[in-house]
């Protein structure tokens, strides 16, 4: 199997267009056309992980955190990133990362956290904006259904748990072709009126080229009239963090002990307890301090994340509990996300989780 078959599938679920501007997700080392027969999955790419891949014959490493974040001017082995790159290239090992793009989608990092906490009715905490567009086009009645279907097959028309969402309005269009035209209906030089359907649907901005291409191929006219509108709508299934509910309220201390156990935490740092039960829970894998206000606005009883700074604990303001379980601890089950997605799609392919624990933080107890 070629590497691109694997990466294309991951990106169909977590498109690279959804990664943050500072991120560097994607194929970092290697070529998409390379044939592989196994995959090693990890959270971080370290020398020990690369050595594991070398010793056990893995040719593709899939990680959550990108090995390369910033520009590299020299590769001479002076730091771990450079040494990892040298070893990977020398042994023909490809490295791929799905980072904030996997954080941003349902079924990704935050969904796994919600699953570990047995949360119900989960939804995106801070839905993305500027990621949706609307297509409006005009189709002769005879071809309305076939053109519509071609557009839907590109991934357009998804709203929440519904697909093939569109709107049709019957009307009449007019046009006149010059001597260089070969009109599908009507005649050169004559004004023509045609019964048409106005069809509109929404789509994620990153698939625009595919949507337009499918429209032009399926549409019978020489010149296809269409409009693309940017939308300010929230993209309900894409964005930062998630929020859900426990089946029944739980005392704060009891819930924090449950969280500590579920994520095998050595310690849980938290803001002052409020003497209330926990029912509504907001989460964000990794560094989620930027979502404190959104968690409060959503009336969460607790916000679970990692990497909170001293002064950020004051932001709780007695309105919710802030709990820092650690960056690694919050994202450690991302390996399972990759594993479950890939084994379901490629059930006969050799896929294994790395045995290396890459958490760089240790605790003196």
Protein backbone atom coordinates (compact mmCIF):
# COMPACT_ATOMS: atom_id res chain seq x y z
CA UNK A 1 0.00 0.00 0.00
CA UNK A 2 1.26 3.49 -0.80
CA UNK A 3 1.73 5.98 2.00
CA UNK A 4 -0.66 8.43 0.31
CA UNK A 5 -3.50 5.90 0.64
CA UNK A 6 -3.05 6.04 4.40
CA UNK A 7 -2.56 9.80 4.65
CA UNK A 8 -5.40 10.60 2.27
CA UNK A 9 -7.74 8.62 4.49
CA UNK A 10 -6.58 10.40 7.65
CA UNK A 11 -6.99 13.75 5.90
CA UNK A 12 -10.50 12.85 4.74
CA UNK A 13 -11.36 12.81 8.45
CA UNK A 14 -9.00 15.53 9.69
CA UNK A 15 -8.21 17.79 6.68
CA UNK A 16 -4.94 19.68 6.82
CA UNK A 17 -6.97 22.85 6.18
CA UNK A 18 -8.22 22.58 9.77
CA UNK A 19 -4.79 22.86 11.38
CA UNK A 20 -3.80 26.07 13.19
CA UNK A 21 -1.53 28.56 11.44
CA UNK A 22 1.43 27.70 13.68
CA UNK A 23 1.12 23.97 13.07
CA UNK A 24 2.98 21.69 10.66
CA UNK A 25 0.81 18.64 10.15
CA UNK A 26 1.16 16.35 7.15
CA UNK A 27 3.85 14.15 5.63
CA UNK A 28 7.08 15.53 7.12
CA UNK A 29 9.54 12.92 5.88
CA UNK A 30 9.20 10.61 2.90
CA UNK A 31 7.17 10.36 -0.31
CA UNK A 32 3.50 9.59 -0.73
CA UNK A 33 4.24 7.05 -3.47
CA UNK A 34 6.41 4.85 -1.22
CA UNK A 35 5.06 1.34 -0.71
CA UNK A 36 4.75 0.24 2.93
CA UNK A 37 3.35 -2.78 4.75
CA UNK A 38 3.21 -1.58 8.36
CA UNK A 39 2.70 1.51 10.56
CA UNK A 40 4.01 2.51 13.98
CA UNK A 41 1.77 4.94 15.90
CA UNK A 42 3.05 7.30 18.59
CA UNK A 43 2.25 10.57 20.32
CA UNK A 44 5.71 12.13 19.89
CA UNK A 45 8.57 11.26 17.55
CA UNK A 46 11.70 10.78 19.65
CA UNK A 47 15.00 9.03 18.95
CA UNK A 48 13.76 6.05 20.94
CA UNK A 49 10.63 5.84 18.75
CA UNK A 50 12.69 6.06 15.56
CA UNK A 51 15.02 3.35 16.90
CA UNK A 52 11.95 1.23 17.63
CA UNK A 53 10.82 1.66 14.02
CA UNK A 54 14.30 0.76 12.73
CA UNK A 55 14.69 -2.32 14.92
CA UNK A 56 11.23 -3.67 14.15
CA UNK A 57 11.12 -2.83 10.45
CA UNK A 58 8.43 -0.11 10.39
CA UNK A 59 8.55 2.20 7.38
CA UNK A 60 5.91 4.74 8.43
CA UNK A 61 5.60 6.53 11.76
CA UNK A 62 2.31 8.32 12.42
CA UNK A 63 2.44 10.82 15.28
CA UNK A 64 0.17 13.37 16.85
CA UNK A 65 2.85 16.00 17.47
CA UNK A 66 4.87 17.09 14.42
CA UNK A 67 8.60 16.38 14.63
CA UNK A 68 9.26 19.61 12.73
CA UNK A 69 7.55 22.76 13.98
CA UNK A 70 9.85 25.53 12.77
CA UNK A 71 12.36 25.99 9.97
CA UNK A 72 15.49 23.85 10.00
CA UNK A 73 18.60 25.45 8.54
CA UNK A 74 21.05 22.63 9.22
CA UNK A 75 20.79 18.88 9.74
CA UNK A 76 23.98 17.85 11.49
CA UNK A 77 22.64 15.95 14.49
CA UNK A 78 23.17 18.61 17.14
CA UNK A 79 19.66 18.15 18.62
CA UNK A 80 17.08 15.40 18.85
CA UNK A 81 14.97 16.66 15.96
CA UNK A 82 17.96 16.63 13.63
CA UNK A 83 19.07 13.20 14.84
CA UNK A 84 15.57 11.81 14.31
CA UNK A 85 15.50 13.20 10.78
CA UNK A 86 18.93 11.75 9.94
CA UNK A 87 17.97 8.31 11.22
CA UNK A 88 14.58 8.31 9.50
CA UNK A 89 15.98 9.38 6.14
CA UNK A 90 18.92 6.97 6.38
CA UNK A 91 16.56 4.05 7.02
CA UNK A 92 13.82 5.13 4.56
CA UNK A 93 11.28 5.74 7.32
CA UNK A 94 8.47 8.20 6.56
CA UNK A 95 7.02 10.41 9.29
CA UNK A 96 3.50 11.81 9.26
CA UNK A 97 1.69 13.98 11.82
CA UNK A 98 -1.95 14.89 12.39
CA UNK A 99 -1.98 17.52 15.11
CA UNK A 100 -4.40 20.44 15.52
CA UNK A 101 -6.39 19.20 12.55
CA UNK A 102 -7.12 16.04 14.54
CA UNK A 103 -7.86 18.19 17.60
CA UNK A 104 -10.50 20.09 15.62
CA UNK A 105 -12.80 17.33 14.40
CA UNK A 106 -15.40 15.07 15.93
CA UNK A 107 -13.93 11.62 16.32
CA UNK A 108 -10.54 13.12 17.08
CA UNK A 109 -8.53 13.93 20.21
CA UNK A 110 -11.27 15.62 22.22
CA UNK A 111 -13.85 13.01 21.31
CA UNK A 112 -11.55 10.39 22.81
CA UNK A 113 -11.27 12.42 26.03
CA UNK A 114 -15.07 12.65 26.20
CA UNK A 115 -15.28 8.90 25.65
CA UNK A 116 -12.87 8.25 28.53
CA UNK A 117 -15.05 10.42 30.76
CA UNK A 118 -18.31 8.76 29.59
CA UNK A 119 -19.76 12.12 28.52
CA UNK A 120 -23.07 12.33 26.69
CA UNK A 121 -24.48 14.85 24.17
CA UNK A 122 -21.00 15.99 23.20
CA UNK A 123 -20.50 18.96 20.89
CA UNK A 124 -17.76 21.36 19.86
CA UNK A 125 -16.95 23.92 22.55
CA UNK A 126 -15.72 26.66 20.20
CA UNK A 127 -17.00 25.96 16.66
CA UNK A 128 -14.84 27.28 13.82
CA UNK A 129 -15.91 30.22 11.68
CA UNK A 130 -14.89 31.10 8.14
CA UNK A 131 -14.69 27.44 7.13
CA UNK A 132 -17.97 27.24 5.20
CA UNK A 133 -19.06 28.47 1.78
CA UNK A 134 -22.26 28.35 -0.23
CA UNK A 135 -22.62 27.32 -3.86
CA UNK A 136 -25.49 28.75 -5.92
CA UNK A 137 -25.94 27.56 -9.48
CA UNK A 138 -28.64 27.33 -12.18
CA UNK A 139 -29.38 24.03 -13.89
CA UNK A 140 -31.84 23.06 -16.65
CA UNK A 141 -34.66 21.04 -15.12
CA UNK A 142 -33.68 17.92 -17.06
CA UNK A 143 -30.28 17.75 -15.34
CA UNK A 144 -31.03 19.20 -11.88
CA UNK A 145 -30.94 15.92 -9.99
CA UNK A 146 -27.81 14.53 -11.65
CA UNK A 147 -25.85 17.76 -11.18
CA UNK A 148 -27.01 18.05 -7.60
CA UNK A 149 -25.89 14.48 -6.88
CA UNK A 150 -22.48 15.07 -8.43
CA UNK A 151 -21.94 18.05 -6.15
CA UNK A 152 -23.06 16.11 -3.07
CA UNK A 153 -20.61 13.31 -3.88
CA UNK A 154 -17.70 15.72 -3.36
CA UNK A 155 -18.67 16.21 0.30
CA UNK A 156 -20.92 19.24 -0.11
CA UNK A 157 -24.29 19.43 1.60
CA UNK A 158 -23.36 18.16 5.07
CA UNK A 159 -25.08 19.84 8.02
CA UNK A 160 -24.47 18.12 11.34
CA UNK A 161 -25.66 14.50 11.08
CA UNK A 162 -27.43 15.14 7.76
CA UNK A 163 -26.02 14.87 4.25
CA UNK A 164 -27.33 15.77 0.78
CA UNK A 165 -28.67 19.06 2.17
CA UNK A 166 -29.59 21.53 -0.54
CA UNK A 167 -32.32 23.89 -1.72
CA UNK A 168 -34.03 24.01 -5.13
CA UNK A 169 -36.20 26.75 -6.57
CA UNK A 170 -37.81 26.61 -10.00
CA UNK A 171 -37.47 29.63 -12.26
CA UNK A 172 -36.55 30.76 -15.74
CA UNK A 173 -33.15 31.77 -17.03
CA UNK A 174 -32.26 33.72 -20.16
CA UNK A 175 -29.18 33.80 -22.39
CA UNK A 176 -28.08 34.49 -25.94
CA UNK A 177 -24.98 32.91 -27.47
CA UNK A 178 -22.80 34.53 -30.11
CA UNK A 179 -21.46 32.92 -33.27
CA UNK A 180 -18.74 31.09 -31.34
CA UNK A 181 -21.14 29.13 -29.14
CA UNK A 182 -22.65 25.68 -29.42
CA UNK A 183 -25.52 26.00 -26.93
CA UNK A 184 -27.01 22.96 -25.20
CA UNK A 185 -30.43 24.56 -25.72
CA UNK A 186 -31.45 27.51 -27.87
CA UNK A 187 -29.80 28.88 -31.02
CA UNK A 188 -26.86 31.16 -31.80
CA UNK A 189 -27.77 34.81 -31.83
CA UNK A 190 -31.27 34.30 -30.43
CA UNK A 191 -32.43 35.21 -26.95
CA UNK A 192 -33.49 32.02 -25.22
CA UNK A 193 -35.53 31.40 -22.09
CA UNK A 194 -35.10 28.08 -20.30
CA UNK A 195 -36.87 26.48 -17.35
CA UNK A 196 -34.11 26.13 -14.76
CA UNK A 197 -33.62 25.15 -11.15
CA UNK A 198 -31.73 27.39 -8.77
CA UNK A 199 -29.74 24.98 -6.61
CA UNK A 200 -27.76 25.94 -3.53
CA UNK A 201 -25.81 24.04 -0.92
CA UNK A 202 -23.03 24.60 1.59
CA UNK A 203 -19.59 23.01 1.70
CA UNK A 204 -16.31 23.20 3.67
CA UNK A 205 -14.05 25.81 2.08
CA UNK A 206 -11.15 23.39 1.58
CA UNK A 207 -13.10 21.25 -0.94
CA UNK A 208 -14.08 24.18 -3.18
CA UNK A 209 -11.94 23.10 -6.14
CA UNK A 210 -13.50 19.64 -6.10
CA UNK A 211 -17.02 21.05 -5.84
CA UNK A 212 -16.55 23.39 -8.80
CA UNK A 213 -14.86 20.70 -10.86
CA UNK A 214 -17.73 18.26 -10.27
CA UNK A 215 -20.26 20.96 -11.10
CA UNK A 216 -18.60 21.82 -14.40
CA UNK A 217 -18.28 18.16 -15.44
CA UNK A 218 -21.89 17.28 -14.62
CA UNK A 219 -23.52 20.46 -15.91
CA UNK A 220 -24.67 20.35 -19.58
CA UNK A 221 -24.10 24.03 -20.39
CA UNK A 222 -21.02 25.37 -22.16
CA UNK A 223 -20.88 28.25 -19.72
CA UNK A 224 -21.99 27.36 -16.22
CA UNK A 225 -23.33 30.20 -14.10
CA UNK A 226 -22.53 29.80 -10.41
CA UNK A 227 -21.75 31.92 -7.36
CA UNK A 228 -19.61 31.12 -4.32
CA UNK A 229 -20.45 32.94 -1.09
CA UNK A 230 -18.27 32.94 2.03
CA UNK A 231 -20.32 32.24 5.16
CA UNK A 232 -19.87 33.41 8.74
CA UNK A 233 -21.84 30.45 10.08
CA UNK A 234 -20.29 28.36 12.80
CA UNK A 235 -19.06 24.95 11.63
CA UNK A 236 -20.67 22.85 14.35
CA UNK A 237 -18.50 19.74 13.86
CA UNK A 238 -15.17 21.54 13.52
CA UNK A 239 -13.44 23.68 16.13
CA UNK A 240 -11.62 23.71 19.45
CA UNK A 241 -12.48 21.67 22.53
CA UNK A 242 -15.65 19.76 23.32
CA UNK A 243 -18.34 19.87 25.97
CA UNK A 244 -20.67 17.16 27.19
CA UNK A 245 -22.66 15.95 30.17
CA UNK A 246 -22.33 13.21 32.74
CA UNK A 247 -25.22 10.79 33.02
CA UNK A 248 -25.87 12.20 36.50
CA UNK A 249 -24.21 14.89 38.64
CA UNK A 250 -21.17 13.81 40.65
CA UNK A 251 -19.51 15.54 43.64
CA UNK A 252 -16.40 17.52 42.67
CA UNK A 253 -13.89 15.45 44.63
CA UNK A 254 -15.37 12.20 43.37
CA UNK A 255 -15.23 13.38 39.77
CA UNK A 256 -11.64 14.62 40.07
CA UNK A 257 -10.62 11.24 41.47
CA UNK A 258 -12.36 9.60 38.50
CA UNK A 259 -10.47 11.86 36.08
CA UNK A 260 -7.16 11.11 37.82
CA UNK A 261 -7.77 7.39 37.47
CA UNK A 262 -9.01 7.48 33.87
CA UNK A 263 -5.96 9.41 32.70
CA UNK A 264 -3.46 7.76 35.04
CA UNK A 265 -2.38 11.15 36.38
CA UNK A 266 0.32 11.47 39.01
CA UNK A 267 -1.27 14.74 40.02
CA UNK A 268 -4.25 16.91 39.05
CA UNK A 269 -3.84 20.65 39.57
CA UNK A 270 -7.13 22.47 39.97
CA UNK A 271 -8.66 25.78 40.99
CA UNK A 272 -10.65 26.05 44.26
CA UNK A 273 -13.60 23.68 44.50
CA UNK A 274 -17.01 25.32 44.60
CA UNK A 275 -19.01 22.85 46.68
CA UNK A 276 -21.21 21.97 43.70
CA UNK A 277 -21.77 18.78 41.73
CA UNK A 278 -20.19 18.25 38.34
CA UNK A 279 -22.62 17.69 35.48
CA UNK A 280 -21.45 19.68 32.45
CA UNK A 281 -17.83 19.02 31.47
CA UNK A 282 -15.67 20.93 28.97
CA UNK A 283 -12.41 19.44 27.70
CA UNK A 284 -9.48 20.33 25.47
CA UNK A 285 -6.53 18.05 24.84
CA UNK A 286 -3.08 19.65 25.13
CA UNK A 287 -2.83 23.35 25.91
CA UNK A 288 -6.38 24.64 26.25
CA UNK A 289 -6.16 27.82 28.33
CA UNK A 290 -7.47 29.85 25.39
CA UNK A 291 -10.85 28.17 25.90
CA UNK A 292 -11.45 29.09 29.54
CA UNK A 293 -13.89 31.88 28.63
CA UNK A 294 -15.76 29.64 26.18
CA UNK A 295 -16.11 26.96 28.86
CA UNK A 296 -17.54 29.54 31.25
CA UNK A 297 -19.92 30.88 28.60
CA UNK A 298 -21.14 27.33 27.96
CA UNK A 299 -21.93 26.97 31.71
CA UNK A 300 -19.47 24.14 32.20
CA UNK A 301 -19.01 23.01 35.79
CA UNK A 302 -15.41 22.00 35.09
CA UNK A 303 -12.89 22.54 32.29
CA UNK A 304 -10.25 19.81 31.88
CA UNK A 305 -7.10 20.54 29.89
CA UNK A 306 -3.31 20.84 30.25
CA UNK A 307 -0.53 23.42 30.55
CA UNK A 308 -2.43 25.95 32.66
CA UNK A 309 -0.24 28.72 34.07
CA UNK A 310 -0.41 30.06 37.63
CA UNK A 311 -2.35 33.22 36.83
CA UNK A 312 -4.79 31.39 34.56
CA UNK A 313 -6.23 29.52 37.54
CA UNK A 314 -7.53 32.88 38.79
CA UNK A 315 -9.69 33.11 35.64
CA UNK A 316 -12.07 30.53 37.09
CA UNK A 317 -13.52 33.39 39.19
CA UNK A 318 -15.60 31.00 41.25
CA UNK A 319 -17.73 30.10 38.23
CA UNK A 320 -16.22 26.70 37.36
CA UNK A 321 -13.39 24.40 38.30
CA UNK A 322 -10.26 24.46 36.15
CA UNK A 323 -8.39 21.16 36.14
CA UNK A 324 -4.93 20.68 34.63
CA UNK A 325 -4.25 16.98 34.13
CA UNK A 326 -1.09 17.49 32.06
CA UNK A 327 -0.42 17.83 28.34
CA UNK A 328 0.72 14.25 27.80
CA UNK A 329 -1.98 12.81 30.03
CA UNK A 330 -4.76 14.61 28.15
CA UNK A 331 -3.53 13.43 24.74
CA UNK A 332 -2.09 10.01 25.49
CA UNK A 333 -5.09 8.19 24.03
CA UNK A 334 -4.68 9.90 20.67
CA UNK A 335 -2.69 6.83 19.66
CA UNK A 336 -5.92 4.87 20.06
CA UNK A 337 -7.72 7.35 17.79
CA UNK A 338 -5.25 6.62 14.99
CA UNK A 339 -5.33 2.90 15.66
CA UNK A 340 -9.12 2.63 15.65
CA UNK A 341 -9.51 4.72 12.49
CA UNK A 342 -6.84 2.87 10.54
CA UNK A 343 -7.67 -0.70 11.60
CA UNK A 344 -11.31 -0.11 10.72
CA UNK A 345 -10.39 1.17 7.26
CA UNK A 346 -7.47 -1.21 6.63
CA UNK A 347 -8.30 -4.28 8.77
CA UNK A 348 -5.61 -6.51 7.26
CA UNK A 349 -2.78 -3.98 7.52
CA UNK A 350 -0.04 -4.30 10.18
CA UNK A 351 -0.55 -1.40 12.61
CA UNK A 352 0.99 -1.18 16.08
CA UNK A 353 1.14 1.32 18.92
CA UNK A 354 4.63 2.37 19.97
CA UNK A 355 5.77 0.87 23.26
CA UNK A 356 7.80 3.98 24.05
CA UNK A 357 6.40 6.33 26.68
CA UNK A 358 7.34 9.79 25.41
CA UNK A 359 6.13 11.97 28.30
CA UNK A 360 9.11 14.26 29.05
CA UNK A 361 7.66 15.26 32.46
CA UNK A 362 8.33 13.22 35.59
CA UNK A 363 6.93 13.70 39.09
CA UNK A 364 8.64 13.33 42.44
CA UNK A 365 6.04 11.86 44.77
